[in-house]
PDB file of N, CA and C in Angstrom:
ATOM      1  N   MET A   1     -20.745  18.893 -16.816  1.00  0.00           N
ATOM      2  CA  MET A   1     -20.025  20.039 -16.311  1.00  0.00           C
ATOM      3  C   MET A   1     -20.293  21.275 -17.149  1.00  0.00           C
ATOM      4  N   GLU A   2     -20.511  21.079 -18.423  1.00  0.00           N
ATOM      5  CA  GLU A   2     -20.690  22.243 -19.295  1.00  0.00           C
ATOM      6  C   GLU A   2     -21.916  23.067 -18.920  1.00  0.00           C
ATOM      7  N   THR A   3     -22.957  22.417 -18.441  1.00  0.00           N
ATOM      8  CA  THR A   3     -24.181  23.155 -18.125  1.00  0.00           C
ATOM      9  C   THR A   3     -24.290  23.504 -16.647  1.00  0.00           C
ATOM     10  N   ALA A   4     -23.422  22.930 -15.822  1.00  0.00           N
ATOM     11  CA  ALA A   4     -23.466  23.209 -14.378  1.00  0.00           C
ATOM     12  C   ALA A   4     -22.914  24.602 -14.100  1.00  0.00           C
ATOM     13  N   GLU A   5     -23.308  25.139 -12.967  1.00  0.00           N
ATOM     14  CA  GLU A   5     -22.842  26.465 -12.580  1.00  0.00           C
ATOM     15  C   GLU A   5     -22.240  26.433 -11.185  1.00  0.00           C
ATOM     16  N   ASP A   6     -21.246  27.250 -10.981  1.00  0.00           N
ATOM     17  CA  ASP A   6     -20.611  27.506  -9.692  1.00  0.00           C
ATOM     18  C   ASP A   6     -20.351  26.239  -8.881  1.00  0.00           C
ATOM     19  N   ASP A   7     -21.053  26.079  -7.730  1.00  0.00           N
ATOM     20  CA  ASP A   7     -20.785  24.977  -6.813  1.00  0.00           C
ATOM     21  C   ASP A   7     -21.039  23.620  -7.475  1.00  0.00           C
ATOM     22  N   GLN A   8     -22.070  23.529  -8.278  1.00  0.00           N
ATOM     23  CA  GLN A   8     -22.366  22.267  -8.974  1.00  0.00           C
ATOM     24  C   GLN A   8     -21.232  21.903  -9.923  1.00  0.00           C
ATOM     25  N   ARG A   9     -20.679  22.881 -10.574  1.00  0.00           N
ATOM     26  CA  ARG A   9     -19.568  22.649 -11.494  1.00  0.00           C
ATOM     27  C   ARG A   9     -18.335  22.174 -10.726  1.00  0.00           C
ATOM     28  N   ARG A  10     -18.058  22.805  -9.600  1.00  0.00           N
ATOM     29  CA  ARG A  10     -16.917  22.392  -8.774  1.00  0.00           C
ATOM     30  C   ARG A  10     -17.104  20.961  -8.274  1.00  0.00           C
ATOM     31  N   LYS A  11     -18.301  20.620  -7.828  1.00  0.00           N
ATOM     32  CA  LYS A  11     -18.583  19.263  -7.361  1.00  0.00           C
ATOM     33  C   LYS A  11     -18.411  18.253  -8.489  1.00  0.00           C
ATOM     34  N   ALA A  12     -18.923  18.580  -9.647  1.00  0.00           N
ATOM     35  CA  ALA A  12     -18.801  17.682 -10.799  1.00  0.00           C
ATOM     36  C   ALA A  12     -17.334  17.498 -11.183  1.00  0.00           C
ATOM     37  N   PHE A  13     -16.579  18.571 -11.138  1.00  0.00           N
ATOM     38  CA  PHE A  13     -15.162  18.502 -11.487  1.00  0.00           C
ATOM     39  C   PHE A  13     -14.409  17.631 -10.479  1.00  0.00           C
ATOM     40  N   ARG A  14     -14.657  17.832  -9.180  1.00  0.00           N
ATOM     41  CA  ARG A  14     -13.994  17.015  -8.156  1.00  0.00           C
ATOM     42  C   ARG A  14     -14.351  15.549  -8.323  1.00  0.00           C
ATOM     43  N   SER A  15     -15.599  15.268  -8.645  1.00  0.00           N
ATOM     44  CA  SER A  15     -16.025  13.887  -8.870  1.00  0.00           C
ATOM     45  C   SER A  15     -15.296  13.283 -10.070  1.00  0.00           C
ATOM     46  N   LEU A  16     -15.175  14.045 -11.117  1.00  0.00           N
ATOM     47  CA  LEU A  16     -14.457  13.589 -12.303  1.00  0.00           C
ATOM     48  C   LEU A  16     -12.997  13.307 -11.991  1.00  0.00           C
ATOM     49  N   VAL A  17     -12.363  14.180 -11.233  1.00  0.00           N
ATOM     50  CA  VAL A  17     -10.963  13.986 -10.854  1.00  0.00           C
ATOM     51  C   VAL A  17     -10.810  12.698 -10.051  1.00  0.00           C
ATOM     52  N   ARG A  18     -11.709  12.455  -9.100  1.00  0.00           N
ATOM     53  CA  ARG A  18     -11.647  11.218  -8.299  1.00  0.00           C
ATOM     54  C   ARG A  18     -11.792   9.992  -9.178  1.00  0.00           C
ATOM     55  N   LEU A  19     -12.756  10.016 -10.078  1.00  0.00           N
ATOM     56  CA  LEU A  19     -12.975   8.872 -10.969  1.00  0.00           C
ATOM     57  C   LEU A  19     -11.762   8.619 -11.860  1.00  0.00           C
ATOM     58  N   LEU A  20     -11.172   9.671 -12.382  1.00  0.00           N
ATOM     59  CA  LEU A  20      -9.984   9.506 -13.217  1.00  0.00           C
ATOM     60  C   LEU A  20      -8.813   8.962 -12.423  1.00  0.00           C
ATOM     61  N   ALA A  21      -8.659   9.402 -11.174  1.00  0.00           N
ATOM     62  CA  ALA A  21      -7.580   8.912 -10.327  1.00  0.00           C
ATOM     63  C   ALA A  21      -7.746   7.417 -10.060  1.00  0.00           C
ATOM     64  N   VAL A  22      -8.963   6.988  -9.767  1.00  0.00           N
ATOM     65  CA  VAL A  22      -9.228   5.569  -9.538  1.00  0.00           C
ATOM     66  C   VAL A  22      -8.950   4.770 -10.811  1.00  0.00           C
ATOM     67  N   HIS A  23      -9.400   5.272 -11.927  1.00  0.00           N
ATOM     68  CA  HIS A  23      -9.174   4.604 -13.210  1.00  0.00           C
ATOM     69  C   HIS A  23      -7.685   4.446 -13.489  1.00  0.00           C
ATOM     70  N   GLU A  24      -6.945   5.522 -13.345  1.00  0.00           N
ATOM     71  CA  GLU A  24      -5.508   5.487 -13.624  1.00  0.00           C
ATOM     72  C   GLU A  24      -4.784   4.529 -12.689  1.00  0.00           C
ATOM     73  N   THR A  25      -5.144   4.538 -11.418  1.00  0.00           N
ATOM     74  CA  THR A  25      -4.504   3.640 -10.454  1.00  0.00           C
ATOM     75  C   THR A  25      -4.773   2.192 -10.815  1.00  0.00           C
ATOM     76  N   ALA A  26      -6.019   1.869 -11.107  1.00  0.00           N
ATOM     77  CA  ALA A  26      -6.362   0.497 -11.490  1.00  0.00           C
ATOM     78  C   ALA A  26      -5.626   0.083 -12.753  1.00  0.00           C
ATOM     79  N   GLU A  27      -5.560   0.969 -13.702  1.00  0.00           N
ATOM     80  CA  GLU A  27      -4.873   0.670 -14.953  1.00  0.00           C
ATOM     81  C   GLU A  27      -3.390   0.378 -14.708  1.00  0.00           C
ATOM     82  N   GLU A  28      -2.748   1.211 -13.893  1.00  0.00           N
ATOM     83  CA  GLU A  28      -1.323   1.047 -13.634  1.00  0.00           C
ATOM     84  C   GLU A  28      -1.024  -0.172 -12.767  1.00  0.00           C
ATOM     85  N   GLU A  29      -1.896  -0.466 -11.794  1.00  0.00           N
ATOM     86  CA  GLU A  29      -1.620  -1.547 -10.860  1.00  0.00           C
ATOM     87  C   GLU A  29      -2.125  -2.909 -11.326  1.00  0.00           C
ATOM     88  N   VAL A  30      -3.138  -2.923 -12.177  1.00  0.00           N
ATOM     89  CA  VAL A  30      -3.737  -4.196 -12.578  1.00  0.00           C
ATOM     90  C   VAL A  30      -3.564  -4.467 -14.071  1.00  0.00           C
ATOM     91  N   VAL A  31      -4.039  -3.563 -14.877  1.00  0.00           N
ATOM     92  CA  VAL A  31      -4.102  -3.813 -16.321  1.00  0.00           C
ATOM     93  C   VAL A  31      -2.713  -3.927 -16.943  1.00  0.00           C
ATOM     94  N   HIS A  32      -1.869  -2.935 -16.736  1.00  0.00           N
ATOM     95  CA  HIS A  32      -0.554  -2.962 -17.386  1.00  0.00           C
ATOM     96  C   HIS A  32       0.281  -4.175 -16.985  1.00  0.00           C
ATOM     97  N   PRO A  33       0.378  -4.509 -15.691  1.00  0.00           N
ATOM     98  CA  PRO A  33       1.146  -5.707 -15.331  1.00  0.00           C
ATOM     99  C   PRO A  33       0.559  -6.992 -15.917  1.00  0.00           C
ATOM    100  N   GLU A  34      -0.755  -7.083 -15.943  1.00  0.00           N
ATOM    101  CA  GLU A  34      -1.387  -8.279 -16.512  1.00  0.00           C
ATOM    102  C   GLU A  34      -1.060  -8.418 -17.995  1.00  0.00           C
ATOM    103  N   ILE A  35      -1.115  -7.334 -18.717  1.00  0.00           N
ATOM    104  CA  ILE A  35      -0.821  -7.377 -20.145  1.00  0.00           C
ATOM    105  C   ILE A  35       0.632  -7.779 -20.351  1.00  0.00           C
ATOM    106  N   ARG A  36       1.522  -7.218 -19.557  1.00  0.00           N
ATOM    107  CA  ARG A  36       2.935  -7.568 -19.686  1.00  0.00           C
ATOM    108  C   ARG A  36       3.156  -9.048 -19.403  1.00  0.00           C
ATOM    109  N   ASP A  37       2.450  -9.582 -18.390  1.00  0.00           N
ATOM    110  CA  ASP A  37       2.616 -10.990 -18.025  1.00  0.00           C
ATOM    111  C   ASP A  37       2.013 -11.934 -19.054  1.00  0.00           C
ATOM    112  N   LEU A  38       0.951 -11.534 -19.700  1.00  0.00           N
ATOM    113  CA  LEU A  38       0.283 -12.417 -20.657  1.00  0.00           C
ATOM    114  C   LEU A  38       1.100 -12.627 -21.926  1.00  0.00           C
ATOM    115  N   GLU A  39       1.693 -11.591 -22.402  1.00  0.00           N
ATOM    116  CA  GLU A  39       2.377 -11.675 -23.692  1.00  0.00           C
ATOM    117  C   GLU A  39       3.585 -10.745 -23.701  1.00  0.00           C
ATOM    118  N   PRO A  40       4.782 -11.305 -23.729  1.00  0.00           N
ATOM    119  CA  PRO A  40       5.968 -10.451 -23.758  1.00  0.00           C
ATOM    120  C   PRO A  40       5.953  -9.443 -24.914  1.00  0.00           C
ATOM    121  N   ALA A  41       5.354  -9.818 -26.025  1.00  0.00           N
ATOM    122  CA  ALA A  41       5.298  -8.913 -27.165  1.00  0.00           C
ATOM    123  C   ALA A  41       4.419  -7.696 -26.887  1.00  0.00           C
ATOM    124  N   ALA A  42       3.587  -7.762 -25.844  1.00  0.00           N
ATOM    125  CA  ALA A  42       2.706  -6.641 -25.502  1.00  0.00           C
ATOM    126  C   ALA A  42       3.452  -5.524 -24.797  1.00  0.00           C
ATOM    127  N   ARG A  43       4.603  -5.812 -24.234  1.00  0.00           N
ATOM    128  CA  ARG A  43       5.344  -4.809 -23.464  1.00  0.00           C
ATOM    129  C   ARG A  43       5.562  -3.509 -24.248  1.00  0.00           C
ATOM    130  N   PRO A  44       5.989  -3.539 -25.507  1.00  0.00           N
ATOM    131  CA  PRO A  44       6.172  -2.266 -26.229  1.00  0.00           C
ATOM    132  C   PRO A  44       4.869  -1.475 -26.379  1.00  0.00           C
ATOM    133  N   VAL A  45       3.765  -2.179 -26.519  1.00  0.00           N
ATOM    134  CA  VAL A  45       2.478  -1.492 -26.649  1.00  0.00           C
ATOM    135  C   VAL A  45       2.136  -0.788 -25.347  1.00  0.00           C
ATOM    136  N   VAL A  46       2.298  -1.488 -24.222  1.00  0.00           N
ATOM    137  CA  VAL A  46       2.017  -0.892 -22.923  1.00  0.00           C
ATOM    138  C   VAL A  46       2.933   0.295 -22.681  1.00  0.00           C
ATOM    139  N   GLU A  47       4.214   0.121 -22.967  1.00  0.00           N
ATOM    140  CA  GLU A  47       5.165   1.216 -22.759  1.00  0.00           C
ATOM    141  C   GLU A  47       4.835   2.417 -23.640  1.00  0.00           C
ATOM    142  N   ALA A  48       4.392   2.163 -24.865  1.00  0.00           N
ATOM    143  CA  ALA A  48       4.013   3.269 -25.753  1.00  0.00           C
ATOM    144  C   ALA A  48       2.805   4.024 -25.197  1.00  0.00           C
ATOM    145  N   ARG A  49       1.811   3.287 -24.678  1.00  0.00           N
ATOM    146  CA  ARG A  49       0.627   3.933 -24.100  1.00  0.00           C
ATOM    147  C   ARG A  49       1.024   4.739 -22.862  1.00  0.00           C
ATOM    148  N   LEU A  50       1.905   4.180 -22.041  1.00  0.00           N
ATOM    149  CA  LEU A  50       2.368   4.918 -20.867  1.00  0.00           C
ATOM    150  C   LEU A  50       3.103   6.182 -21.290  1.00  0.00           C
ATOM    151  N   GLY A  51       3.877   6.085 -22.341  1.00  0.00           N
ATOM    152  CA  GLY A  51       4.586   7.254 -22.851  1.00  0.00           C
ATOM    153  C   GLY A  51       3.627   8.340 -23.303  1.00  0.00           C
ATOM    154  N   GLU A  52       2.543   7.944 -23.944  1.00  0.00           N
ATOM    155  CA  GLU A  52       1.529   8.908 -24.372  1.00  0.00           C
ATOM    156  C   GLU A  52       0.924   9.616 -23.175  1.00  0.00           C
ATOM    157  N   GLU A  53       0.718   8.886 -22.092  1.00  0.00           N
ATOM    158  CA  GLU A  53       0.114   9.473 -20.901  1.00  0.00           C
ATOM    159  C   GLU A  53       1.046  10.464 -20.225  1.00  0.00           C
ATOM    160  N   ARG A  54       2.334  10.272 -20.400  1.00  0.00           N
ATOM    161  CA  ARG A  54       3.318  11.159 -19.762  1.00  0.00           C
ATOM    162  C   ARG A  54       3.531  12.451 -20.527  1.00  0.00           C
ATOM    163  N   VAL A  55       3.152  12.490 -21.779  1.00  0.00           N
ATOM    164  CA  VAL A  55       3.355  13.667 -22.619  1.00  0.00           C
ATOM    165  C   VAL A  55       2.408  14.779 -22.165  1.00  0.00           C
ATOM    166  N   ASP A  56       2.960  15.963 -21.966  1.00  0.00           N
ATOM    167  CA  ASP A  56       2.125  17.108 -21.599  1.00  0.00           C
ATOM    168  C   ASP A  56       1.305  17.549 -22.782  1.00  0.00           C
ATOM    169  N   ALA A  57       0.047  17.842 -22.519  1.00  0.00           N
ATOM    170  CA  ALA A  57      -0.836  18.271 -23.603  1.00  0.00           C
ATOM    171  C   ALA A  57      -0.644  19.738 -23.894  1.00  0.00           C
TER     172      ALA A  57
END
């Protein structure tokens, strides 16, 4: 994205947004529940990571 210009930059940005959305959805729907189910002690770690994601940058 840094070297792209105008329309190419917009396309690259939209692609990045889509990829991040898919990643986040998979993480929330698959990874976090699996970790919670595997080890009860993992729950605080998952919750802490989720908390980090909710913090505004």
